[in-house]
């Protein structure tokens, strides 16, 4: 899996990341990803924070995944309560 900054201007309390995921497991419902995929994700987060994808948001964060092409997704992180 590879990630690329897509929109980090934090407009509308949201930032977006372009994700290339050859296995397409990022689009599966939370918890449906294989153990191997989850381990690869953890490893990439430990090795390079820029490659980290967080599908388990905190209580004040919403994560959405949109498919935009073959193996390409937009990961939207929304923080609606970040500030007024």
C-alpha atoms as a PDB file:
ATOM      1  CA  UNK A   1       0.000   0.000   0.000  1.00  0.00           C
ATOM      2  CA  UNK A   2       1.172   3.534  -0.778  1.00  0.00           C
ATOM      3  CA  UNK A   3      -0.250   6.844   0.376  1.00  0.00           C
ATOM      4  CA  UNK A   4       0.008  10.325  -1.105  1.00  0.00           C
ATOM      5  CA  UNK A   5      -1.104  13.640   0.369  1.00  0.00           C
ATOM      6  CA  UNK A   6      -4.194  14.618  -1.582  1.00  0.00           C
ATOM      7  CA  UNK A   7      -5.545  17.658   0.247  1.00  0.00           C
ATOM      8  CA  UNK A   8      -3.984  18.689   3.533  1.00  0.00           C
ATOM      9  CA  UNK A   9      -5.378  22.211   3.659  1.00  0.00           C
ATOM     10  CA  UNK A  10      -7.924  21.128   6.275  1.00  0.00           C
ATOM     11  CA  UNK A  11     -10.807  22.793   4.475  1.00  0.00           C
ATOM     12  CA  UNK A  12     -14.190  21.988   5.991  1.00  0.00           C
ATOM     13  CA  UNK A  13     -12.325  20.332   8.884  1.00  0.00           C
ATOM     14  CA  UNK A  14     -11.318  17.483   6.557  1.00  0.00           C
ATOM     15  CA  UNK A  15      -8.049  16.321   5.074  1.00  0.00           C
ATOM     16  CA  UNK A  16      -7.710  13.722   2.348  1.00  0.00           C
ATOM     17  CA  UNK A  17      -5.142  11.117   1.384  1.00  0.00           C
ATOM     18  CA  UNK A  18      -4.821   9.264  -1.907  1.00  0.00           C
ATOM     19  CA  UNK A  19      -4.238   5.574  -1.190  1.00  0.00           C
ATOM     20  CA  UNK A  20      -3.102   2.898  -3.603  1.00  0.00           C
ATOM     21  CA  UNK A  21      -4.055  -0.509  -2.206  1.00  0.00           C
ATOM     22  CA  UNK A  22      -3.405  -3.396  -4.592  1.00  0.00           C
ATOM     23  CA  UNK A  23      -5.440  -5.844  -2.478  1.00  0.00           C
ATOM     24  CA  UNK A  24      -8.444  -3.464  -2.176  1.00  0.00           C
ATOM     25  CA  UNK A  25      -8.814  -4.490   1.468  1.00  0.00           C
ATOM     26  CA  UNK A  26      -8.929  -0.855   2.560  1.00  0.00           C
ATOM     27  CA  UNK A  27     -12.487  -0.688   1.208  1.00  0.00           C
ATOM     28  CA  UNK A  28     -13.725  -3.634   3.258  1.00  0.00           C
ATOM     29  CA  UNK A  29     -15.800  -2.936   6.373  1.00  0.00           C
ATOM     30  CA  UNK A  30     -13.705  -2.311   9.483  1.00  0.00           C
ATOM     31  CA  UNK A  31     -12.437  -5.608  10.871  1.00  0.00           C
ATOM     32  CA  UNK A  32     -12.957  -7.521   7.618  1.00  0.00           C
ATOM     33  CA  UNK A  33      -9.366  -7.004   6.455  1.00  0.00           C
ATOM     34  CA  UNK A  34      -7.090 -10.042   6.621  1.00  0.00           C
ATOM     35  CA  UNK A  35      -4.614 -10.452   9.468  1.00  0.00           C
ATOM     36  CA  UNK A  36      -1.777 -10.245   6.935  1.00  0.00           C
ATOM     37  CA  UNK A  37      -3.090  -6.907   5.614  1.00  0.00           C
ATOM     38  CA  UNK A  38      -3.417  -5.513   9.140  1.00  0.00           C
ATOM     39  CA  UNK A  39       0.141  -6.591   9.949  1.00  0.00           C
ATOM     40  CA  UNK A  40       1.476  -4.907   6.789  1.00  0.00           C
ATOM     41  CA  UNK A  41      -0.401  -1.743   7.739  1.00  0.00           C
ATOM     42  CA  UNK A  42       1.056  -1.751  11.260  1.00  0.00           C
ATOM     43  CA  UNK A  43       4.545  -2.316   9.877  1.00  0.00           C
ATOM     44  CA  UNK A  44       4.230   0.551   7.394  1.00  0.00           C
ATOM     45  CA  UNK A  45       2.992   2.855  10.186  1.00  0.00           C
ATOM     46  CA  UNK A  46       5.966   1.961  12.369  1.00  0.00           C
ATOM     47  CA  UNK A  47       8.467   2.404   9.551  1.00  0.00           C
ATOM     48  CA  UNK A  48       7.059   5.557   7.987  1.00  0.00           C
ATOM     49  CA  UNK A  49       4.355   7.726   9.547  1.00  0.00           C
ATOM     50  CA  UNK A  50       3.657   9.236   6.124  1.00  0.00           C
ATOM     51  CA  UNK A  51       2.543   5.802   4.877  1.00  0.00           C
ATOM     52  CA  UNK A  52       0.234   5.248   7.846  1.00  0.00           C
ATOM     53  CA  UNK A  53      -3.489   4.754   7.267  1.00  0.00           C
ATOM     54  CA  UNK A  54      -5.756   4.966  10.299  1.00  0.00           C
ATOM     55  CA  UNK A  55      -9.096   3.236   9.816  1.00  0.00           C
ATOM     56  CA  UNK A  56      -9.832   3.323  13.560  1.00  0.00           C
ATOM     57  CA  UNK A  57     -10.581   6.971  14.286  1.00  0.00           C
ATOM     58  CA  UNK A  58     -10.931   8.544  17.691  1.00  0.00           C
ATOM     59  CA  UNK A  59     -14.293   9.590  19.114  1.00  0.00           C
ATOM     60  CA  UNK A  60     -14.168  13.024  17.435  1.00  0.00           C
ATOM     61  CA  UNK A  61     -13.026  11.813  14.019  1.00  0.00           C
ATOM     62  CA  UNK A  62     -14.842  10.294  11.055  1.00  0.00           C
ATOM     63  CA  UNK A  63     -13.032   8.293   8.352  1.00  0.00           C
ATOM     64  CA  UNK A  64     -14.497   7.676   4.922  1.00  0.00           C
ATOM     65  CA  UNK A  65     -13.065   5.640   2.054  1.00  0.00           C
ATOM     66  CA  UNK A  66     -14.057   6.318  -1.567  1.00  0.00           C
ATOM     67  CA  UNK A  67     -12.918   4.252  -4.539  1.00  0.00           C
ATOM     68  CA  UNK A  68     -11.811   6.457  -7.426  1.00  0.00           C
ATOM     69  CA  UNK A  69     -10.184   3.914  -9.721  1.00  0.00           C
ATOM     70  CA  UNK A  70      -8.669   0.470  -9.900  1.00  0.00           C
ATOM     71  CA  UNK A  71      -6.878   0.033  -6.536  1.00  0.00           C
ATOM     72  CA  UNK A  72      -7.022   3.799  -5.839  1.00  0.00           C
ATOM     73  CA  UNK A  73      -9.009   5.293  -2.973  1.00  0.00           C
ATOM     74  CA  UNK A  74      -9.506   8.646  -1.277  1.00  0.00           C
ATOM     75  CA  UNK A  75      -9.331   8.401   2.499  1.00  0.00           C
ATOM     76  CA  UNK A  76     -11.149  11.378   4.049  1.00  0.00           C
ATOM     77  CA  UNK A  77     -10.460  12.171   7.697  1.00  0.00           C
ATOM     78  CA  UNK A  78     -13.033  14.547   9.105  1.00  0.00           C
ATOM     79  CA  UNK A  79     -12.722  16.238  12.492  1.00  0.00           C
ATOM     80  CA  UNK A  80     -16.104  17.979  12.850  1.00  0.00           C
ATOM     81  CA  UNK A  81     -15.457  19.102  16.442  1.00  0.00           C
ATOM     82  CA  UNK A  82     -11.859  20.264  15.901  1.00  0.00           C
ATOM     83  CA  UNK A  83     -12.745  23.931  16.484  1.00  0.00           C
ATOM     84  CA  UNK A  84     -15.787  26.171  16.051  1.00  0.00           C
END
